[in-house]
């Protein structure tokens, strides 16, 4: 289970990094369509991988632990969806 937690933590860090890039890029007003497409694809791929990591980890958790973890999962999903919406 520790390996699954570590994998998810790495995926979360990666998603957070891309979300921060989105915010920085949009704040700079110095972007083009190709750059936006690229970062959107990276964010979508990262989000998909994070969903898989969450599913794998939740499969190993008790129901109570999974429910306790769910708020955190929703927070990350919401941040990613918000960033996609900005693009």
PDB file of N, CA and C in Angstrom:
ATOM      1  N   UNK A   1       0.828  -1.192   0.000  1.00  0.00           N
ATOM      2  CA  UNK A   1       0.000   0.000   0.000  1.00  0.00           C
ATOM      3  C   UNK A   1       0.871   1.253   0.000  1.00  0.00           C
ATOM      4  N   UNK A   2       2.039   1.166   0.640  1.00  0.00           N
ATOM      5  CA  UNK A   2       2.924   2.340   0.688  1.00  0.00           C
ATOM      6  C   UNK A   2       3.385   2.744  -0.711  1.00  0.00           C
ATOM      7  N   UNK A   3       3.637   1.765  -1.554  1.00  0.00           N
ATOM      8  CA  UNK A   3       4.046   2.064  -2.933  1.00  0.00           C
ATOM      9  C   UNK A   3       2.932   2.802  -3.670  1.00  0.00           C
ATOM     10  N   UNK A   4       1.693   2.387  -3.456  1.00  0.00           N
ATOM     11  CA  UNK A   4       0.557   3.060  -4.088  1.00  0.00           C
ATOM     12  C   UNK A   4       0.424   4.495  -3.587  1.00  0.00           C
ATOM     13  N   UNK A   5       0.641   4.699  -2.303  1.00  0.00           N
ATOM     14  CA  UNK A   5       0.588   6.062  -1.745  1.00  0.00           C
ATOM     15  C   UNK A   5       1.690   6.941  -2.348  1.00  0.00           C
ATOM     16  N   UNK A   6       2.871   6.366  -2.487  1.00  0.00           N
ATOM     17  CA  UNK A   6       3.994   7.118  -3.068  1.00  0.00           C
ATOM     18  C   UNK A   6       3.729   7.463  -4.526  1.00  0.00           C
ATOM     19  N   UNK A   7       3.157   6.517  -5.252  1.00  0.00           N
ATOM     20  CA  UNK A   7       2.820   6.759  -6.657  1.00  0.00           C
ATOM     21  C   UNK A   7       1.800   7.880  -6.772  1.00  0.00           C
ATOM     22  N   UNK A   8       0.778   7.831  -5.926  1.00  0.00           N
ATOM     23  CA  UNK A   8      -0.235   8.878  -5.978  1.00  0.00           C
ATOM     24  C   UNK A   8       0.349  10.226  -5.582  1.00  0.00           C
ATOM     25  N   UNK A   9       1.201  10.246  -4.596  1.00  0.00           N
ATOM     26  CA  UNK A   9       1.826  11.507  -4.180  1.00  0.00           C
ATOM     27  C   UNK A   9       2.633  12.108  -5.325  1.00  0.00           C
ATOM     28  N   UNK A  10       3.351  11.273  -6.052  1.00  0.00           N
ATOM     29  CA  UNK A  10       4.119  11.762  -7.203  1.00  0.00           C
ATOM     30  C   UNK A  10       3.185  12.297  -8.280  1.00  0.00           C
ATOM     31  N   UNK A  11       2.087  11.613  -8.523  1.00  0.00           N
ATOM     32  CA  UNK A  11       1.108  12.071  -9.518  1.00  0.00           C
ATOM     33  C   UNK A  11       0.478  13.394  -9.092  1.00  0.00           C
ATOM     34  N   UNK A  12       0.207  13.538  -7.816  1.00  0.00           N
ATOM     35  CA  UNK A  12      -0.368  14.792  -7.323  1.00  0.00           C
ATOM     36  C   UNK A  12       0.622  15.945  -7.493  1.00  0.00           C
ATOM     37  N   UNK A  13       1.879  15.689  -7.173  1.00  0.00           N
ATOM     38  CA  UNK A  13       2.894  16.742  -7.358  1.00  0.00           C
ATOM     39  C   UNK A  13       2.978  17.151  -8.818  1.00  0.00           C
ATOM     40  N   UNK A  14       2.939  16.177  -9.705  1.00  0.00           N
ATOM     41  CA  UNK A  14       3.028  16.471 -11.136  1.00  0.00           C
ATOM     42  C   UNK A  14       1.820  17.287 -11.594  1.00  0.00           C
ATOM     43  N   UNK A  15       0.636  16.888 -11.173  1.00  0.00           N
ATOM     44  CA  UNK A  15      -0.570  17.638 -11.540  1.00  0.00           C
ATOM     45  C   UNK A  15      -0.519  19.060 -10.995  1.00  0.00           C
ATOM     46  N   UNK A  16      -0.082  19.209  -9.760  1.00  0.00           N
ATOM     47  CA  UNK A  16       0.027  20.540  -9.157  1.00  0.00           C
ATOM     48  C   UNK A  16       1.007  21.404  -9.933  1.00  0.00           C
ATOM     49  N   UNK A  17       2.114  20.824 -10.346  1.00  0.00           N
ATOM     50  CA  UNK A  17       3.105  21.560 -11.138  1.00  0.00           C
ATOM     51  C   UNK A  17       2.483  22.069 -12.442  1.00  0.00           C
ATOM     52  N   UNK A  18       1.737  21.225 -13.123  1.00  0.00           N
ATOM     53  CA  UNK A  18       1.116  21.636 -14.387  1.00  0.00           C
ATOM     54  C   UNK A  18       0.045  22.695 -14.137  1.00  0.00           C
ATOM     55  N   UNK A  19      -0.748  22.531 -13.090  1.00  0.00           N
ATOM     56  CA  UNK A  19      -1.772  23.527 -12.757  1.00  0.00           C
ATOM     57  C   UNK A  19      -1.118  24.877 -12.480  1.00  0.00           C
ATOM     58  N   UNK A  20      -0.008  24.876 -11.776  1.00  0.00           N
ATOM     59  CA  UNK A  20       0.721  26.127 -11.525  1.00  0.00           C
ATOM     60  C   UNK A  20       1.251  26.722 -12.826  1.00  0.00           C
ATOM     61  N   UNK A  21       1.689  25.879 -13.751  1.00  0.00           N
ATOM     62  CA  UNK A  21       2.135  26.366 -15.061  1.00  0.00           C
ATOM     63  C   UNK A  21       0.989  27.039 -15.800  1.00  0.00           C
ATOM     64  N   UNK A  22      -0.206  26.456 -15.714  1.00  0.00           N
ATOM     65  CA  UNK A  22      -1.383  27.054 -16.357  1.00  0.00           C
ATOM     66  C   UNK A  22      -1.614  28.453 -15.797  1.00  0.00           C
ATOM     67  N   UNK A  23      -1.612  28.573 -14.485  1.00  0.00           N
ATOM     68  CA  UNK A  23      -1.843  29.878 -13.846  1.00  0.00           C
ATOM     69  C   UNK A  23      -0.776  30.889 -14.253  1.00  0.00           C
ATOM     70  N   UNK A  24       0.484  30.462 -14.239  1.00  0.00           N
ATOM     71  CA  UNK A  24       1.581  31.357 -14.620  1.00  0.00           C
ATOM     72  C   UNK A  24       1.474  31.774 -16.081  1.00  0.00           C
ATOM     73  N   UNK A  25       1.148  30.823 -16.940  1.00  0.00           N
ATOM     74  CA  UNK A  25       1.045  31.104 -18.371  1.00  0.00           C
ATOM     75  C   UNK A  25      -0.073  32.103 -18.650  1.00  0.00           C
ATOM     76  N   UNK A  26      -1.225  31.875 -18.051  1.00  0.00           N
ATOM     77  CA  UNK A  26      -2.349  32.775 -18.291  1.00  0.00           C
ATOM     78  C   UNK A  26      -2.101  34.159 -17.696  1.00  0.00           C
ATOM     79  N   UNK A  27      -1.415  34.220 -16.580  1.00  0.00           N
ATOM     80  CA  UNK A  27      -1.098  35.514 -15.967  1.00  0.00           C
ATOM     81  C   UNK A  27      -0.104  36.305 -16.801  1.00  0.00           C
ATOM     82  N   UNK A  28       0.739  35.610 -17.549  1.00  0.00           N
ATOM     83  CA  UNK A  28       1.770  36.291 -18.334  1.00  0.00           C
ATOM     84  C   UNK A  28       1.221  36.922 -19.611  1.00  0.00           C
ATOM     85  N   UNK A  29       0.070  36.461 -20.061  1.00  0.00           N
ATOM     86  CA  UNK A  29      -0.499  36.913 -21.336  1.00  0.00           C
ATOM     87  C   UNK A  29       0.464  36.711 -22.499  1.00  0.00           C
ATOM     88  N   UNK A  30       1.398  35.795 -22.337  1.00  0.00           N
ATOM     89  CA  UNK A  30       2.390  35.519 -23.379  1.00  0.00           C
ATOM     90  C   UNK A  30       2.295  34.046 -23.766  1.00  0.00           C
ATOM     91  N   UNK A  31       1.244  33.718 -24.505  1.00  0.00           N
ATOM     92  CA  UNK A  31       1.035  32.329 -24.893  1.00  0.00           C
ATOM     93  C   UNK A  31       0.424  32.278 -26.282  1.00  0.00           C
ATOM     94  N   UNK A  32       0.548  31.105 -26.906  1.00  0.00           N
ATOM     95  CA  UNK A  32      -0.033  30.897 -28.225  1.00  0.00           C
ATOM     96  C   UNK A  32      -0.884  29.631 -28.192  1.00  0.00           C
ATOM     97  N   UNK A  33      -1.593  29.387 -29.273  1.00  0.00           N
ATOM     98  CA  UNK A  33      -2.510  28.258 -29.339  1.00  0.00           C
ATOM     99  C   UNK A  33      -1.783  26.927 -29.163  1.00  0.00           C
ATOM    100  N   UNK A  34      -0.634  26.785 -29.789  1.00  0.00           N
ATOM    101  CA  UNK A  34       0.127  25.535 -29.674  1.00  0.00           C
ATOM    102  C   UNK A  34       0.560  25.290 -28.227  1.00  0.00           C
ATOM    103  N   UNK A  35       0.978  26.338 -27.552  1.00  0.00           N
ATOM    104  CA  UNK A  35       1.376  26.213 -26.155  1.00  0.00           C
ATOM    105  C   UNK A  35       0.211  25.826 -25.261  1.00  0.00           C
ATOM    106  N   UNK A  36      -0.954  26.417 -25.526  1.00  0.00           N
ATOM    107  CA  UNK A  36      -2.147  26.080 -24.752  1.00  0.00           C
ATOM    108  C   UNK A  36      -2.556  24.630 -24.976  1.00  0.00           C
ATOM    109  N   UNK A  37      -2.514  24.196 -26.228  1.00  0.00           N
ATOM    110  CA  UNK A  37      -2.851  22.797 -26.534  1.00  0.00           C
ATOM    111  C   UNK A  37      -1.902  21.839 -25.835  1.00  0.00           C
ATOM    112  N   UNK A  38      -0.635  22.171 -25.855  1.00  0.00           N
ATOM    113  CA  UNK A  38       0.371  21.312 -25.239  1.00  0.00           C
ATOM    114  C   UNK A  38       0.137  21.161 -23.739  1.00  0.00           C
ATOM    115  N   UNK A  39      -0.064  22.268 -23.073  1.00  0.00           N
ATOM    116  CA  UNK A  39      -0.263  22.204 -21.624  1.00  0.00           C
ATOM    117  C   UNK A  39      -1.592  21.536 -21.285  1.00  0.00           C
ATOM    118  N   UNK A  40      -2.605  21.726 -22.116  1.00  0.00           N
ATOM    119  CA  UNK A  40      -3.890  21.065 -21.908  1.00  0.00           C
ATOM    120  C   UNK A  40      -3.731  19.549 -22.021  1.00  0.00           C
ATOM    121  N   UNK A  41      -3.011  19.095 -23.033  1.00  0.00           N
ATOM    122  CA  UNK A  41      -2.783  17.656 -23.198  1.00  0.00           C
ATOM    123  C   UNK A  41      -2.005  17.083 -22.019  1.00  0.00           C
ATOM    124  N   UNK A  42      -1.003  17.811 -21.559  1.00  0.00           N
ATOM    125  CA  UNK A  42      -0.222  17.352 -20.406  1.00  0.00           C
ATOM    126  C   UNK A  42      -1.093  17.255 -19.157  1.00  0.00           C
ATOM    127  N   UNK A  43      -1.952  18.249 -18.959  1.00  0.00           N
ATOM    128  CA  UNK A  43      -2.819  18.250 -17.784  1.00  0.00           C
ATOM    129  C   UNK A  43      -3.838  17.117 -17.860  1.00  0.00           C
ATOM    130  N   UNK A  44      -4.411  16.899 -19.029  1.00  0.00           N
ATOM    131  CA  UNK A  44      -5.373  15.809 -19.183  1.00  0.00           C
ATOM    132  C   UNK A  44      -4.717  14.456 -18.933  1.00  0.00           C
ATOM    133  N   UNK A  45      -3.519  14.250 -19.467  1.00  0.00           N
ATOM    134  CA  UNK A  45      -2.791  12.988 -19.259  1.00  0.00           C
ATOM    135  C   UNK A  45      -2.464  12.809 -17.782  1.00  0.00           C
ATOM    136  N   UNK A  46      -1.984  13.865 -17.150  1.00  0.00           N
ATOM    137  CA  UNK A  46      -1.643  13.794 -15.732  1.00  0.00           C
ATOM    138  C   UNK A  46      -2.877  13.488 -14.890  1.00  0.00           C
ATOM    139  N   UNK A  47      -3.991  14.103 -15.224  1.00  0.00           N
ATOM    140  CA  UNK A  47      -5.236  13.869 -14.499  1.00  0.00           C
ATOM    141  C   UNK A  47      -5.699  12.428 -14.666  1.00  0.00           C
ATOM    142  N   UNK A  48      -5.609  11.908 -15.880  1.00  0.00           N
ATOM    143  CA  UNK A  48      -5.981  10.510 -16.123  1.00  0.00           C
ATOM    144  C   UNK A  48      -5.122   9.558 -15.288  1.00  0.00           C
ATOM    145  N   UNK A  49      -3.834   9.829 -15.235  1.00  0.00           N
ATOM    146  CA  UNK A  49      -2.931   8.978 -14.453  1.00  0.00           C
ATOM    147  C   UNK A  49      -3.213   9.102 -12.956  1.00  0.00           C
ATOM    148  N   UNK A  50      -3.589  10.287 -12.504  1.00  0.00           N
ATOM    149  CA  UNK A  50      -3.933  10.475 -11.098  1.00  0.00           C
ATOM    150  C   UNK A  50      -5.209   9.708 -10.752  1.00  0.00           C
ATOM    151  N   UNK A  51      -6.171   9.703 -11.648  1.00  0.00           N
ATOM    152  CA  UNK A  51      -7.401   8.928 -11.428  1.00  0.00           C
ATOM    153  C   UNK A  51      -7.059   7.447 -11.269  1.00  0.00           C
ATOM    154  N   UNK A  52      -6.185   6.941 -12.126  1.00  0.00           N
ATOM    155  CA  UNK A  52      -5.776   5.531 -12.031  1.00  0.00           C
ATOM    156  C   UNK A  52      -5.076   5.253 -10.704  1.00  0.00           C
ATOM    157  N   UNK A  53      -4.218   6.164 -10.281  1.00  0.00           N
ATOM    158  CA  UNK A  53      -3.514   5.989  -9.009  1.00  0.00           C
ATOM    159  C   UNK A  53      -4.496   5.999  -7.842  1.00  0.00           C
ATOM    160  N   UNK A  54      -5.482   6.885  -7.894  1.00  0.00           N
ATOM    161  CA  UNK A  54      -6.507   6.921  -6.847  1.00  0.00           C
ATOM    162  C   UNK A  54      -7.297   5.622  -6.808  1.00  0.00           C
ATOM    163  N   UNK A  55      -7.683   5.130  -7.977  1.00  0.00           N
ATOM    164  CA  UNK A  55      -8.454   3.890  -8.041  1.00  0.00           C
ATOM    165  C   UNK A  55      -7.660   2.717  -7.480  1.00  0.00           C
ATOM    166  N   UNK A  56      -6.385   2.635  -7.827  1.00  0.00           N
ATOM    167  CA  UNK A  56      -5.544   1.541  -7.328  1.00  0.00           C
ATOM    168  C   UNK A  56      -5.404   1.614  -5.810  1.00  0.00           C
ATOM    169  N   UNK A  57      -5.203   2.811  -5.293  1.00  0.00           N
ATOM    170  CA  UNK A  57      -5.060   2.977  -3.851  1.00  0.00           C
ATOM    171  C   UNK A  57      -6.368   2.679  -3.138  1.00  0.00           C
ATOM    172  N   UNK A  58      -7.471   3.166  -3.666  1.00  0.00           N
ATOM    173  CA  UNK A  58      -8.767   2.946  -3.031  1.00  0.00           C
ATOM    174  C   UNK A  58      -9.153   1.469  -3.029  1.00  0.00           C
ATOM    175  N   UNK A  59      -8.702   0.721  -4.012  1.00  0.00           N
ATOM    176  CA  UNK A  59      -8.996  -0.712  -4.057  1.00  0.00           C
ATOM    177  C   UNK A  59      -8.361  -1.452  -2.877  1.00  0.00           C
ATOM    178  N   UNK A  60      -7.310  -0.877  -2.310  1.00  0.00           N
ATOM    179  CA  UNK A  60      -6.605  -1.500  -1.185  1.00  0.00           C
ATOM    180  C   UNK A  60      -7.051  -0.958   0.173  1.00  0.00           C
ATOM    181  N   UNK A  61      -7.889   0.064   0.181  1.00  0.00           N
ATOM    182  CA  UNK A  61      -8.320   0.699   1.431  1.00  0.00           C
ATOM    183  C   UNK A  61      -9.631   0.104   1.929  1.00  0.00           C
ATOM    184  N   UNK A  62      -9.835   0.232   3.239  1.00  0.00           N
ATOM    185  CA  UNK A  62     -11.151  -0.095   3.784  1.00  0.00           C
ATOM    186  C   UNK A  62     -12.122   1.002   3.349  1.00  0.00           C
ATOM    187  N   UNK A  63     -13.391   0.716   3.445  1.00  0.00           N
ATOM    188  CA  UNK A  63     -14.397   1.706   3.049  1.00  0.00           C
ATOM    189  C   UNK A  63     -14.271   2.993   3.856  1.00  0.00           C
ATOM    190  N   UNK A  64     -14.028   2.865   5.152  1.00  0.00           N
ATOM    191  CA  UNK A  64     -13.905   4.058   6.000  1.00  0.00           C
ATOM    192  C   UNK A  64     -12.723   4.926   5.583  1.00  0.00           C
ATOM    193  N   UNK A  65     -11.586   4.299   5.305  1.00  0.00           N
ATOM    194  CA  UNK A  65     -10.409   5.059   4.886  1.00  0.00           C
ATOM    195  C   UNK A  65     -10.624   5.692   3.515  1.00  0.00           C
ATOM    196  N   UNK A  66     -11.297   4.962   2.631  1.00  0.00           N
ATOM    197  CA  UNK A  66     -11.559   5.503   1.303  1.00  0.00           C
ATOM    198  C   UNK A  66     -12.462   6.736   1.395  1.00  0.00           C
ATOM    199  N   UNK A  67     -13.492   6.660   2.220  1.00  0.00           N
ATOM    200  CA  UNK A  67     -14.389   7.806   2.378  1.00  0.00           C
ATOM    201  C   UNK A  67     -13.656   8.999   2.975  1.00  0.00           C
ATOM    202  N   UNK A  68     -12.767   8.745   3.912  1.00  0.00           N
ATOM    203  CA  UNK A  68     -11.985   9.834   4.506  1.00  0.00           C
ATOM    204  C   UNK A  68     -11.056  10.471   3.477  1.00  0.00           C
ATOM    205  N   UNK A  69     -10.575   9.694   2.539  1.00  0.00           N
ATOM    206  CA  UNK A  69      -9.654  10.173   1.508  1.00  0.00           C
ATOM    207  C   UNK A  69     -10.379  10.897   0.378  1.00  0.00           C
ATOM    208  N   UNK A  70     -11.659  10.656   0.258  1.00  0.00           N
ATOM    209  CA  UNK A  70     -12.414  11.138  -0.893  1.00  0.00           C
ATOM    210  C   UNK A  70     -12.421  12.657  -1.015  1.00  0.00           C
ATOM    211  N   UNK A  71     -12.483  13.391   0.082  1.00  0.00           N
ATOM    212  CA  UNK A  71     -12.465  14.859   0.025  1.00  0.00           C
ATOM    213  C   UNK A  71     -11.185  15.370  -0.625  1.00  0.00           C
ATOM    214  N   UNK A  72     -10.088  14.751  -0.277  1.00  0.00           N
ATOM    215  CA  UNK A  72      -8.802  15.131  -0.865  1.00  0.00           C
ATOM    216  C   UNK A  72      -8.793  14.868  -2.368  1.00  0.00           C
ATOM    217  N   UNK A  73      -9.333  13.729  -2.762  1.00  0.00           N
ATOM    218  CA  UNK A  73      -9.408  13.375  -4.183  1.00  0.00           C
ATOM    219  C   UNK A  73     -10.249  14.400  -4.932  1.00  0.00           C
ATOM    220  N   UNK A  74     -11.378  14.758  -4.371  1.00  0.00           N
ATOM    221  CA  UNK A  74     -12.257  15.735  -5.021  1.00  0.00           C
ATOM    222  C   UNK A  74     -11.586  17.093  -5.167  1.00  0.00           C
ATOM    223  N   UNK A  75     -10.800  17.476  -4.176  1.00  0.00           N
ATOM    224  CA  UNK A  75     -10.090  18.756  -4.242  1.00  0.00           C
ATOM    225  C   UNK A  75      -9.131  18.784  -5.433  1.00  0.00           C
ATOM    226  N   UNK A  76      -8.362  17.722  -5.613  1.00  0.00           N
ATOM    227  CA  UNK A  76      -7.432  17.662  -6.739  1.00  0.00           C
ATOM    228  C   UNK A  76      -8.172  17.633  -8.074  1.00  0.00           C
ATOM    229  N   UNK A  77      -9.248  16.850  -8.141  1.00  0.00           N
ATOM    230  CA  UNK A  77     -10.022  16.787  -9.377  1.00  0.00           C
ATOM    231  C   UNK A  77     -10.620  18.144  -9.718  1.00  0.00           C
ATOM    232  N   UNK A  78     -11.086  18.865  -8.707  1.00  0.00           N
ATOM    233  CA  UNK A  78     -11.677  20.183  -8.921  1.00  0.00           C
ATOM    234  C   UNK A  78     -10.635  21.185  -9.422  1.00  0.00           C
ATOM    235  N   UNK A  79      -9.438  21.152  -8.842  1.00  0.00           N
ATOM    236  CA  UNK A  79      -8.371  22.065  -9.288  1.00  0.00           C
ATOM    237  C   UNK A  79      -8.000  21.792 -10.741  1.00  0.00           C
ATOM    238  N   UNK A  80      -7.902  20.526 -11.094  1.00  0.00           N
ATOM    239  CA  UNK A  80      -7.547  20.176 -12.472  1.00  0.00           C
ATOM    240  C   UNK A  80      -8.653  20.600 -13.429  1.00  0.00           C
ATOM    241  N   UNK A  81      -9.899  20.332 -13.076  1.00  0.00           N
ATOM    242  CA  UNK A  81     -11.019  20.710 -13.939  1.00  0.00           C
ATOM    243  C   UNK A  81     -11.099  22.224 -14.099  1.00  0.00           C
ATOM    244  N   UNK A  82     -10.841  22.953 -13.029  1.00  0.00           N
ATOM    245  CA  UNK A  82     -10.842  24.413 -13.108  1.00  0.00           C
ATOM    246  C   UNK A  82      -9.768  24.931 -14.038  1.00  0.00           C
ATOM    247  N   UNK A  83      -8.606  24.316 -14.006  1.00  0.00           N
ATOM    248  CA  UNK A  83      -7.511  24.733 -14.892  1.00  0.00           C
ATOM    249  C   UNK A  83      -7.822  24.413 -16.344  1.00  0.00           C
ATOM    250  N   UNK A  84      -8.420  23.248 -16.579  1.00  0.00           N
ATOM    251  CA  UNK A  84      -8.818  22.892 -17.944  1.00  0.00           C
ATOM    252  C   UNK A  84      -9.826  23.910 -18.454  1.00  0.00           C
ATOM    253  N   UNK A  85     -10.758  24.298 -17.599  1.00  0.00           N
ATOM    254  CA  UNK A  85     -11.757  25.288 -17.992  1.00  0.00           C
ATOM    255  C   UNK A  85     -11.157  26.634 -18.360  1.00  0.00           C
ATOM    256  N   UNK A  86     -10.068  27.005 -17.707  1.00  0.00           N
ATOM    257  CA  UNK A  86      -9.404  28.273 -18.019  1.00  0.00           C
ATOM    258  C   UNK A  86      -8.719  28.241 -19.378  1.00  0.00           C
ATOM    259  N   UNK A  87      -8.313  27.051 -19.787  1.00  0.00           N
ATOM    260  CA  UNK A  87      -7.624  26.939 -21.075  1.00  0.00           C
ATOM    261  C   UNK A  87      -8.629  26.947 -22.194  1.00  0.00           C
TER     262      UNK A  87
END
